[in-house]
Amino acid sequence: MLLWEEYCAQVGEQYSADNPVKPWRYSQFCENYRKFAKRLKRSMRQVHRAGEKLFIDFAGPTIALFDGDKEVGRANIFVAAIGVSGYCFACATPAQTAPDWLGATAKALEFYGGVPQLIIPDNPRALVSIADRYEPKLTDTVQDFARHYGCAVLPARAHHPQDKALTS
């Protein structure tokens, strides 16, 4: 109703002899608005403060490593993104173990030249000992890592990739 009233006020201000357009009635406005709203993509706007969050994750499938024509192994691609700017960092690791997560995160912090207040991984088994919707329990190693760098690690909710839109 408020949106319709604002629409009527705007169209009413534009009404003149040269522009004899009158605003739609409420029912017609609602019908046209419903048609318009169906075409919109739903999204959740996330507002970030500078230096507040660093989103980390491993990207997609592994990639092959070659020595000449011979495949010598596979690499996992670690990705980090700053919350405000989306400034990205990426590196390859041999696996997705806790040392790989923490080593790659340390490299990312060195690359950025600072430490955010909050590091947000998804919900990896290597870092989370008890996956809980409200209070996930991090491993002791991860807690030591966070204490060392003076930040907090808060995993995103399980099965909620929209919590980490920058690296998803």
N, C-alpha and C. Protein backbone atom coordinates (compact mmCIF):
# COMPACT_ATOMS: atom_id res chain seq x y z
N MET A 1 0.83 -1.18 0.00
CA MET A 1 0.00 0.00 0.00
C MET A 1 0.88 1.26 0.00
N LEU A 2 1.92 1.26 0.85
CA LEU A 2 2.83 2.41 0.91
C LEU A 2 3.53 2.62 -0.42
N LEU A 3 3.96 1.53 -1.06
CA LEU A 3 4.62 1.63 -2.36
C LEU A 3 3.67 2.23 -3.40
N TRP A 4 2.41 1.82 -3.37
CA TRP A 4 1.42 2.36 -4.31
C TRP A 4 1.20 3.85 -4.05
N GLU A 5 1.13 4.23 -2.78
CA GLU A 5 0.94 5.65 -2.44
C GLU A 5 2.11 6.49 -2.92
N GLU A 6 3.33 5.96 -2.75
CA GLU A 6 4.51 6.68 -3.25
C GLU A 6 4.48 6.78 -4.77
N TYR A 7 4.05 5.70 -5.42
CA TYR A 7 3.92 5.70 -6.88
C TYR A 7 2.91 6.75 -7.32
N CYS A 8 1.76 6.81 -6.67
CA CYS A 8 0.73 7.79 -7.02
C CYS A 8 1.24 9.22 -6.84
N ALA A 9 1.96 9.46 -5.77
CA ALA A 9 2.51 10.79 -5.53
C ALA A 9 3.51 11.17 -6.62
N GLN A 10 4.36 10.23 -7.02
CA GLN A 10 5.37 10.51 -8.04
C GLN A 10 4.70 10.77 -9.39
N VAL A 11 3.76 9.93 -9.78
CA VAL A 11 3.08 10.10 -11.06
C VAL A 11 2.24 11.37 -11.04
N GLY A 12 1.62 11.66 -9.90
CA GLY A 12 0.81 12.87 -9.77
C GLY A 12 1.63 14.13 -9.94
N GLU A 13 2.88 14.12 -9.46
CA GLU A 13 3.77 15.28 -9.62
C GLU A 13 4.16 15.48 -11.08
N GLN A 14 4.21 14.38 -11.85
CA GLN A 14 4.60 14.47 -13.25
C GLN A 14 3.42 14.79 -14.16
N TYR A 15 2.19 14.79 -13.62
CA TYR A 15 0.98 15.04 -14.42
C TYR A 15 0.95 16.50 -14.89
N SER A 16 0.74 16.66 -16.19
CA SER A 16 0.62 18.00 -16.78
C SER A 16 -0.18 17.88 -18.07
N ALA A 17 -0.41 18.99 -18.73
CA ALA A 17 -1.13 18.97 -20.01
C ALA A 17 -0.32 18.22 -21.06
N ASP A 18 0.98 18.34 -21.00
CA ASP A 18 1.84 17.64 -21.96
C ASP A 18 1.97 16.16 -21.61
N ASN A 19 1.78 15.80 -20.35
CA ASN A 19 1.92 14.42 -19.88
C ASN A 19 0.66 14.04 -19.09
N PRO A 20 -0.44 13.74 -19.82
CA PRO A 20 -1.72 13.48 -19.14
C PRO A 20 -1.87 12.03 -18.63
N VAL A 21 -0.81 11.48 -18.06
CA VAL A 21 -0.83 10.11 -17.56
C VAL A 21 -1.28 10.13 -16.10
N LYS A 22 -2.28 9.31 -15.79
CA LYS A 22 -2.75 9.20 -14.42
C LYS A 22 -2.23 7.89 -13.82
N PRO A 23 -2.05 7.85 -12.51
CA PRO A 23 -1.53 6.63 -11.89
C PRO A 23 -2.54 5.49 -11.96
N TRP A 24 -2.02 4.25 -11.94
CA TRP A 24 -2.89 3.08 -11.91
C TRP A 24 -3.67 3.04 -10.60
N ARG A 25 -4.81 2.40 -10.66
CA ARG A 25 -5.54 2.12 -9.43
C ARG A 25 -4.79 1.04 -8.66
N TYR A 26 -5.14 0.87 -7.39
CA TYR A 26 -4.40 -0.04 -6.52
C TYR A 26 -4.37 -1.47 -7.05
N SER A 27 -5.50 -2.00 -7.54
CA SER A 27 -5.55 -3.39 -8.01
C SER A 27 -4.67 -3.58 -9.25
N GLN A 28 -4.69 -2.60 -10.17
CA GLN A 28 -3.86 -2.69 -11.37
C GLN A 28 -2.37 -2.58 -11.00
N PHE A 29 -2.06 -1.70 -10.05
CA PHE A 29 -0.68 -1.56 -9.58
C PHE A 29 -0.18 -2.88 -9.00
N CYS A 30 -1.00 -3.53 -8.15
CA CYS A 30 -0.62 -4.79 -7.54
C CYS A 30 -0.39 -5.87 -8.58
N GLU A 31 -1.25 -5.95 -9.57
CA GLU A 31 -1.10 -6.95 -10.64
C GLU A 31 0.22 -6.73 -11.39
N ASN A 32 0.51 -5.50 -11.76
CA ASN A 32 1.75 -5.21 -12.49
C ASN A 32 2.97 -5.42 -11.60
N TYR A 33 2.86 -5.11 -10.33
CA TYR A 33 3.98 -5.33 -9.42
C TYR A 33 4.27 -6.82 -9.25
N ARG A 34 3.22 -7.65 -9.16
CA ARG A 34 3.42 -9.11 -9.05
C ARG A 34 4.15 -9.65 -10.28
N LYS A 35 3.77 -9.19 -11.46
CA LYS A 35 4.45 -9.61 -12.69
C LYS A 35 5.92 -9.20 -12.65
N PHE A 36 6.17 -7.98 -12.21
CA PHE A 36 7.54 -7.48 -12.11
C PHE A 36 8.34 -8.29 -11.10
N ALA A 37 7.77 -8.57 -9.94
CA ALA A 37 8.48 -9.27 -8.87
C ALA A 37 8.84 -10.71 -9.26
N LYS A 38 8.04 -11.36 -10.09
CA LYS A 38 8.34 -12.73 -10.54
C LYS A 38 9.60 -12.79 -11.37
N ARG A 39 9.96 -11.69 -12.04
CA ARG A 39 11.15 -11.67 -12.88
C ARG A 39 12.43 -11.41 -12.10
N LEU A 40 12.30 -10.96 -10.87
CA LEU A 40 13.47 -10.63 -10.07
C LEU A 40 14.14 -11.87 -9.52
N LYS A 41 15.46 -11.83 -9.43
CA LYS A 41 16.21 -12.90 -8.80
C LYS A 41 16.31 -12.58 -7.31
N ARG A 42 15.95 -13.53 -6.49
CA ARG A 42 16.04 -13.29 -5.05
C ARG A 42 17.50 -13.35 -4.63
N SER A 43 17.89 -12.43 -3.79
CA SER A 43 19.25 -12.42 -3.28
C SER A 43 19.27 -11.79 -1.90
N MET A 44 20.33 -12.09 -1.18
CA MET A 44 20.48 -11.53 0.15
C MET A 44 21.67 -10.57 0.11
N ARG A 45 21.41 -9.33 0.41
CA ARG A 45 22.49 -8.34 0.41
C ARG A 45 23.27 -8.47 1.71
N GLN A 46 24.59 -8.60 1.57
CA GLN A 46 25.46 -8.69 2.73
C GLN A 46 26.31 -7.42 2.79
N VAL A 47 26.30 -6.77 3.91
CA VAL A 47 27.08 -5.56 4.09
C VAL A 47 28.29 -5.91 4.95
N HIS A 48 29.48 -5.57 4.47
CA HIS A 48 30.72 -5.88 5.18
C HIS A 48 31.45 -4.59 5.52
N ARG A 49 32.13 -4.58 6.66
CA ARG A 49 32.98 -3.45 7.04
C ARG A 49 34.42 -3.78 6.66
N ALA A 50 35.20 -2.75 6.40
CA ALA A 50 36.60 -2.95 6.02
C ALA A 50 37.36 -3.66 7.13
N GLY A 51 38.12 -4.68 6.78
CA GLY A 51 38.94 -5.41 7.73
C GLY A 51 38.19 -6.36 8.63
N GLU A 52 36.92 -6.55 8.37
CA GLU A 52 36.11 -7.37 9.26
C GLU A 52 36.18 -8.86 8.93
N LYS A 53 36.01 -9.24 7.64
CA LYS A 53 35.87 -10.66 7.30
C LYS A 53 36.79 -11.09 6.17
N LEU A 54 37.26 -12.33 6.30
CA LEU A 54 37.99 -13.00 5.23
C LEU A 54 37.29 -14.34 5.01
N PHE A 55 36.78 -14.55 3.81
CA PHE A 55 36.08 -15.79 3.47
C PHE A 55 37.08 -16.74 2.82
N ILE A 56 37.12 -17.99 3.29
CA ILE A 56 38.06 -18.97 2.75
C ILE A 56 37.33 -20.26 2.37
N ASP A 57 37.84 -20.93 1.34
CA ASP A 57 37.25 -22.19 0.90
C ASP A 57 38.16 -22.82 -0.15
N PHE A 58 37.87 -24.06 -0.48
CA PHE A 58 38.54 -24.71 -1.60
C PHE A 58 37.59 -24.66 -2.79
N ALA A 59 38.13 -24.36 -3.96
CA ALA A 59 37.31 -24.16 -5.15
C ALA A 59 37.19 -25.43 -5.97
N GLY A 60 35.97 -25.84 -6.24
CA GLY A 60 35.65 -26.89 -7.18
C GLY A 60 36.49 -28.15 -7.12
N PRO A 61 36.60 -28.85 -8.26
CA PRO A 61 37.35 -30.11 -8.32
C PRO A 61 38.86 -29.87 -8.33
N THR A 62 39.61 -30.92 -8.08
CA THR A 62 41.06 -30.82 -8.11
C THR A 62 41.53 -30.63 -9.55
N ILE A 63 42.76 -30.16 -9.71
CA ILE A 63 43.32 -30.01 -11.05
C ILE A 63 44.55 -30.91 -11.17
N ALA A 64 44.81 -31.34 -12.36
CA ALA A 64 45.94 -32.25 -12.60
C ALA A 64 47.25 -31.47 -12.65
N LEU A 65 48.29 -32.08 -12.11
CA LEU A 65 49.64 -31.52 -12.17
C LEU A 65 50.46 -32.39 -13.13
N PHE A 66 51.15 -31.75 -14.06
CA PHE A 66 51.90 -32.49 -15.07
C PHE A 66 53.38 -32.16 -15.01
N ASP A 67 54.20 -33.17 -15.29
CA ASP A 67 55.63 -33.00 -15.50
C ASP A 67 55.86 -33.46 -16.93
N GLY A 68 55.88 -32.50 -17.84
CA GLY A 68 55.93 -32.84 -19.26
C GLY A 68 54.57 -33.39 -19.67
N ASP A 69 54.55 -34.65 -20.16
CA ASP A 69 53.29 -35.28 -20.57
C ASP A 69 52.73 -36.19 -19.49
N LYS A 70 53.45 -36.38 -18.41
CA LYS A 70 53.05 -37.33 -17.38
C LYS A 70 52.36 -36.62 -16.21
N GLU A 71 51.18 -37.13 -15.83
CA GLU A 71 50.48 -36.57 -14.67
C GLU A 71 51.18 -37.06 -13.41
N VAL A 72 51.57 -36.11 -12.53
CA VAL A 72 52.31 -36.46 -11.33
C VAL A 72 51.47 -36.30 -10.05
N GLY A 73 50.28 -35.81 -10.18
CA GLY A 73 49.43 -35.65 -9.00
C GLY A 73 48.27 -34.72 -9.27
N ARG A 74 47.58 -34.39 -8.19
CA ARG A 74 46.43 -33.49 -8.29
C ARG A 74 46.57 -32.40 -7.24
N ALA A 75 46.02 -31.24 -7.51
CA ALA A 75 46.11 -30.12 -6.58
C ALA A 75 44.73 -29.58 -6.26
N ASN A 76 44.55 -29.19 -5.00
CA ASN A 76 43.32 -28.53 -4.55
C ASN A 76 43.58 -27.03 -4.57
N ILE A 77 42.61 -26.26 -5.01
CA ILE A 77 42.79 -24.81 -5.12
C ILE A 77 42.11 -24.12 -3.93
N PHE A 78 42.91 -23.49 -3.09
CA PHE A 78 42.44 -22.72 -1.94
C PHE A 78 42.16 -21.30 -2.40
N VAL A 79 41.02 -20.74 -1.99
CA VAL A 79 40.64 -19.38 -2.38
C VAL A 79 40.26 -18.60 -1.13
N ALA A 80 40.73 -17.37 -1.05
CA ALA A 80 40.36 -16.45 0.03
C ALA A 80 39.89 -15.15 -0.60
N ALA A 81 38.90 -14.51 0.02
CA ALA A 81 38.39 -13.23 -0.49
C ALA A 81 38.08 -12.31 0.68
N ILE A 82 38.50 -11.06 0.56
CA ILE A 82 38.21 -10.05 1.58
C ILE A 82 36.74 -9.65 1.44
N GLY A 83 36.05 -9.50 2.55
CA GLY A 83 34.61 -9.22 2.54
C GLY A 83 34.21 -7.94 1.84
N VAL A 84 34.90 -6.83 2.06
CA VAL A 84 34.49 -5.55 1.50
C VAL A 84 34.80 -5.45 0.01
N SER A 85 36.05 -5.73 -0.34
CA SER A 85 36.49 -5.50 -1.72
C SER A 85 36.34 -6.70 -2.63
N GLY A 86 36.29 -7.91 -2.05
CA GLY A 86 36.28 -9.10 -2.87
C GLY A 86 37.66 -9.42 -3.42
N TYR A 87 38.70 -8.74 -2.92
CA TYR A 87 40.07 -8.97 -3.36
C TYR A 87 40.44 -10.42 -3.06
N CYS A 88 40.88 -11.16 -4.08
CA CYS A 88 41.05 -12.61 -3.95
C CYS A 88 42.52 -13.03 -3.87
N PHE A 89 42.70 -14.17 -3.24
CA PHE A 89 44.00 -14.84 -3.16
C PHE A 89 43.73 -16.31 -3.46
N ALA A 90 44.63 -16.95 -4.18
CA ALA A 90 44.47 -18.38 -4.46
C ALA A 90 45.83 -19.05 -4.43
N CYS A 91 45.83 -20.30 -3.97
CA CYS A 91 47.06 -21.10 -4.01
C CYS A 91 46.65 -22.58 -4.10
N ALA A 92 47.60 -23.40 -4.53
CA ALA A 92 47.35 -24.83 -4.66
C ALA A 92 47.91 -25.56 -3.44
N THR A 93 47.17 -26.58 -3.00
CA THR A 93 47.63 -27.42 -1.88
C THR A 93 47.49 -28.88 -2.30
N PRO A 94 48.25 -29.78 -1.67
CA PRO A 94 48.16 -31.19 -2.06
C PRO A 94 46.87 -31.87 -1.60
N ALA A 95 46.23 -31.36 -0.55
CA ALA A 95 45.00 -31.98 -0.03
C ALA A 95 44.18 -30.91 0.68
N GLN A 96 43.17 -31.35 1.43
CA GLN A 96 42.35 -30.42 2.19
C GLN A 96 42.39 -30.78 3.68
N THR A 97 43.57 -31.10 4.16
CA THR A 97 43.73 -31.43 5.57
C THR A 97 43.85 -30.14 6.38
N ALA A 98 43.81 -30.27 7.70
CA ALA A 98 43.93 -29.09 8.56
C ALA A 98 45.23 -28.32 8.30
N PRO A 99 46.40 -29.00 8.17
CA PRO A 99 47.61 -28.24 7.86
C PRO A 99 47.52 -27.49 6.52
N ASP A 100 46.83 -28.08 5.54
CA ASP A 100 46.65 -27.39 4.25
C ASP A 100 45.77 -26.16 4.41
N TRP A 101 44.66 -26.30 5.14
CA TRP A 101 43.76 -25.16 5.39
C TRP A 101 44.53 -24.04 6.09
N LEU A 102 45.19 -24.38 7.19
CA LEU A 102 45.83 -23.36 8.00
C LEU A 102 47.07 -22.77 7.32
N GLY A 103 47.82 -23.61 6.62
CA GLY A 103 48.98 -23.10 5.88
C GLY A 103 48.57 -22.14 4.77
N ALA A 104 47.53 -22.50 4.03
CA ALA A 104 47.05 -21.64 2.95
C ALA A 104 46.45 -20.35 3.52
N THR A 105 45.77 -20.45 4.66
CA THR A 105 45.21 -19.25 5.29
C THR A 105 46.33 -18.32 5.75
N ALA A 106 47.38 -18.88 6.32
CA ALA A 106 48.54 -18.08 6.73
C ALA A 106 49.18 -17.39 5.52
N LYS A 107 49.29 -18.10 4.39
CA LYS A 107 49.82 -17.48 3.18
C LYS A 107 48.92 -16.34 2.71
N ALA A 108 47.60 -16.53 2.82
CA ALA A 108 46.65 -15.48 2.42
C ALA A 108 46.82 -14.25 3.31
N LEU A 109 46.96 -14.45 4.62
CA LEU A 109 47.14 -13.32 5.53
C LEU A 109 48.43 -12.58 5.23
N GLU A 110 49.48 -13.33 4.88
CA GLU A 110 50.75 -12.71 4.50
C GLU A 110 50.58 -11.92 3.20
N PHE A 111 49.84 -12.49 2.25
CA PHE A 111 49.58 -11.83 0.97
C PHE A 111 48.84 -10.51 1.19
N TYR A 112 47.82 -10.52 2.05
CA TYR A 112 47.03 -9.31 2.31
C TYR A 112 47.79 -8.32 3.19
N GLY A 113 48.76 -8.79 3.94
CA GLY A 113 49.53 -7.89 4.78
C GLY A 113 48.79 -7.47 6.04
N GLY A 114 47.85 -8.29 6.48
CA GLY A 114 47.10 -7.98 7.69
C GLY A 114 46.19 -9.13 8.06
N VAL A 115 45.51 -8.96 9.19
CA VAL A 115 44.62 -10.00 9.69
C VAL A 115 43.24 -9.41 9.91
N PRO A 116 42.19 -10.04 9.38
CA PRO A 116 40.83 -9.53 9.61
C PRO A 116 40.37 -9.90 11.03
N GLN A 117 39.25 -9.34 11.44
CA GLN A 117 38.68 -9.69 12.73
C GLN A 117 38.13 -11.11 12.72
N LEU A 118 37.61 -11.52 11.57
CA LEU A 118 36.89 -12.80 11.48
C LEU A 118 37.28 -13.55 10.21
N ILE A 119 37.64 -14.82 10.35
CA ILE A 119 37.91 -15.70 9.21
C ILE A 119 36.75 -16.67 9.12
N ILE A 120 36.15 -16.76 7.92
CA ILE A 120 34.96 -17.58 7.75
C ILE A 120 35.20 -18.68 6.73
N PRO A 121 35.46 -19.92 7.18
CA PRO A 121 35.52 -21.06 6.26
C PRO A 121 34.10 -21.60 6.08
N ASP A 122 33.91 -22.60 5.21
CA ASP A 122 32.57 -23.20 5.17
C ASP A 122 32.43 -24.03 6.46
N ASN A 123 32.28 -25.29 6.41
CA ASN A 123 32.18 -26.09 7.63
C ASN A 123 33.01 -27.35 7.43
N PRO A 124 34.34 -27.22 7.20
CA PRO A 124 35.16 -28.38 6.84
C PRO A 124 35.44 -29.29 8.03
N ARG A 125 35.41 -30.58 7.77
CA ARG A 125 35.71 -31.56 8.83
C ARG A 125 37.11 -31.40 9.37
N ALA A 126 38.01 -30.92 8.55
CA ALA A 126 39.40 -30.76 8.99
C ALA A 126 39.54 -29.67 10.05
N LEU A 127 38.62 -28.72 10.10
CA LEU A 127 38.72 -27.61 11.04
C LEU A 127 37.69 -27.67 12.17
N VAL A 128 36.57 -28.35 11.91
CA VAL A 128 35.46 -28.36 12.87
C VAL A 128 35.34 -29.75 13.48
N SER A 129 35.46 -29.82 14.80
CA SER A 129 35.34 -31.13 15.46
C SER A 129 33.88 -31.50 15.72
N ILE A 130 33.05 -30.51 16.05
CA ILE A 130 31.61 -30.75 16.25
C ILE A 130 30.84 -29.72 15.44
N ALA A 131 30.18 -30.18 14.37
CA ALA A 131 29.41 -29.27 13.52
C ALA A 131 28.05 -29.05 14.15
N ASP A 132 27.84 -27.86 14.67
CA ASP A 132 26.57 -27.51 15.29
C ASP A 132 26.03 -26.27 14.58
N ARG A 133 24.72 -26.20 14.40
CA ARG A 133 24.11 -25.09 13.69
C ARG A 133 24.41 -23.75 14.37
N TYR A 134 24.41 -23.72 15.69
CA TYR A 134 24.55 -22.47 16.41
C TYR A 134 25.95 -22.23 16.99
N GLU A 135 26.61 -23.28 17.46
CA GLU A 135 27.96 -23.14 18.02
C GLU A 135 28.85 -24.29 17.58
N PRO A 136 29.41 -24.20 16.37
CA PRO A 136 30.32 -25.26 15.94
C PRO A 136 31.58 -25.24 16.80
N LYS A 137 32.12 -26.41 17.10
CA LYS A 137 33.32 -26.55 17.93
C LYS A 137 34.51 -26.74 17.01
N LEU A 138 35.45 -25.81 17.09
CA LEU A 138 36.66 -25.89 16.27
C LEU A 138 37.69 -26.79 16.93
N THR A 139 38.58 -27.35 16.14
CA THR A 139 39.66 -28.17 16.69
C THR A 139 40.62 -27.27 17.48
N ASP A 140 41.38 -27.89 18.36
CA ASP A 140 42.34 -27.13 19.18
C ASP A 140 43.37 -26.40 18.32
N THR A 141 43.78 -27.02 17.24
CA THR A 141 44.77 -26.41 16.35
C THR A 141 44.23 -25.12 15.74
N VAL A 142 42.98 -25.15 15.33
CA VAL A 142 42.36 -23.96 14.74
C VAL A 142 42.22 -22.86 15.79
N GLN A 143 41.86 -23.24 17.00
CA GLN A 143 41.74 -22.24 18.07
C GLN A 143 43.11 -21.62 18.38
N ASP A 144 44.16 -22.43 18.37
CA ASP A 144 45.52 -21.90 18.57
C ASP A 144 45.90 -20.96 17.43
N PHE A 145 45.56 -21.32 16.21
CA PHE A 145 45.83 -20.49 15.03
C PHE A 145 45.15 -19.12 15.20
N ALA A 146 43.88 -19.13 15.60
CA ALA A 146 43.14 -17.88 15.77
C ALA A 146 43.74 -17.03 16.89
N ARG A 147 44.13 -17.66 17.99
CA ARG A 147 44.76 -16.92 19.09
C ARG A 147 46.09 -16.31 18.63
N HIS A 148 46.86 -17.08 17.87
CA HIS A 148 48.15 -16.60 17.38
C HIS A 148 47.99 -15.35 16.52
N TYR A 149 47.00 -15.36 15.64
CA TYR A 149 46.78 -14.23 14.74
C TYR A 149 45.86 -13.16 15.32
N GLY A 150 45.30 -13.39 16.49
CA GLY A 150 44.45 -12.38 17.13
C GLY A 150 43.14 -12.13 16.40
N CYS A 151 42.53 -13.21 15.92
CA CYS A 151 41.26 -13.09 15.21
C CYS A 151 40.34 -14.22 15.67
N ALA A 152 39.16 -14.26 15.10
CA ALA A 152 38.22 -15.33 15.41
C ALA A 152 37.95 -16.12 14.12
N VAL A 153 37.66 -17.40 14.28
CA VAL A 153 37.28 -18.26 13.15
C VAL A 153 35.85 -18.70 13.41
N LEU A 154 34.97 -18.38 12.50
CA LEU A 154 33.55 -18.72 12.65
C LEU A 154 33.07 -19.41 11.38
N PRO A 155 32.95 -20.74 11.40
CA PRO A 155 32.50 -21.44 10.19
C PRO A 155 31.07 -21.03 9.81
N ALA A 156 30.82 -20.98 8.52
CA ALA A 156 29.47 -20.71 8.03
C ALA A 156 28.57 -21.90 8.40
N ARG A 157 27.28 -21.68 8.40
CA ARG A 157 26.35 -22.76 8.70
C ARG A 157 26.47 -23.85 7.63
N ALA A 158 26.36 -25.09 8.06
CA ALA A 158 26.43 -26.20 7.12
C ALA A 158 25.29 -26.10 6.11
N HIS A 159 25.58 -26.37 4.86
CA HIS A 159 24.61 -26.36 3.76
C HIS A 159 24.00 -24.98 3.51
N HIS A 160 24.73 -23.91 3.84
CA HIS A 160 24.26 -22.55 3.58
C HIS A 160 25.34 -21.76 2.84
N PRO A 161 25.56 -22.04 1.55
CA PRO A 161 26.62 -21.37 0.80
C PRO A 161 26.39 -19.86 0.69
N GLN A 162 25.13 -19.40 0.86
CA GLN A 162 24.88 -17.97 0.76
C GLN A 162 25.55 -17.20 1.90
N ASP A 163 25.94 -17.88 2.97
CA ASP A 163 26.66 -17.21 4.06
C ASP A 163 28.03 -16.78 3.61
N LYS A 164 28.58 -17.41 2.55
CA LYS A 164 29.92 -17.11 2.05
C LYS A 164 29.87 -16.85 0.56
N ALA A 165 29.10 -15.90 0.15
CA ALA A 165 28.89 -15.69 -1.27
C ALA A 165 30.15 -15.33 -2.04
N LEU A 166 31.12 -14.71 -1.40
CA LEU A 166 32.32 -14.28 -2.13
C LEU A 166 33.17 -15.43 -2.63
N THR A 167 33.24 -16.54 -1.91
CA THR A 167 34.09 -17.64 -2.35
C THR A 167 33.29 -18.81 -2.89
N SER A 168 32.02 -18.72 -2.91
CA SER A 168 31.21 -19.86 -3.35
C SER A 168 31.07 -19.90 -4.84
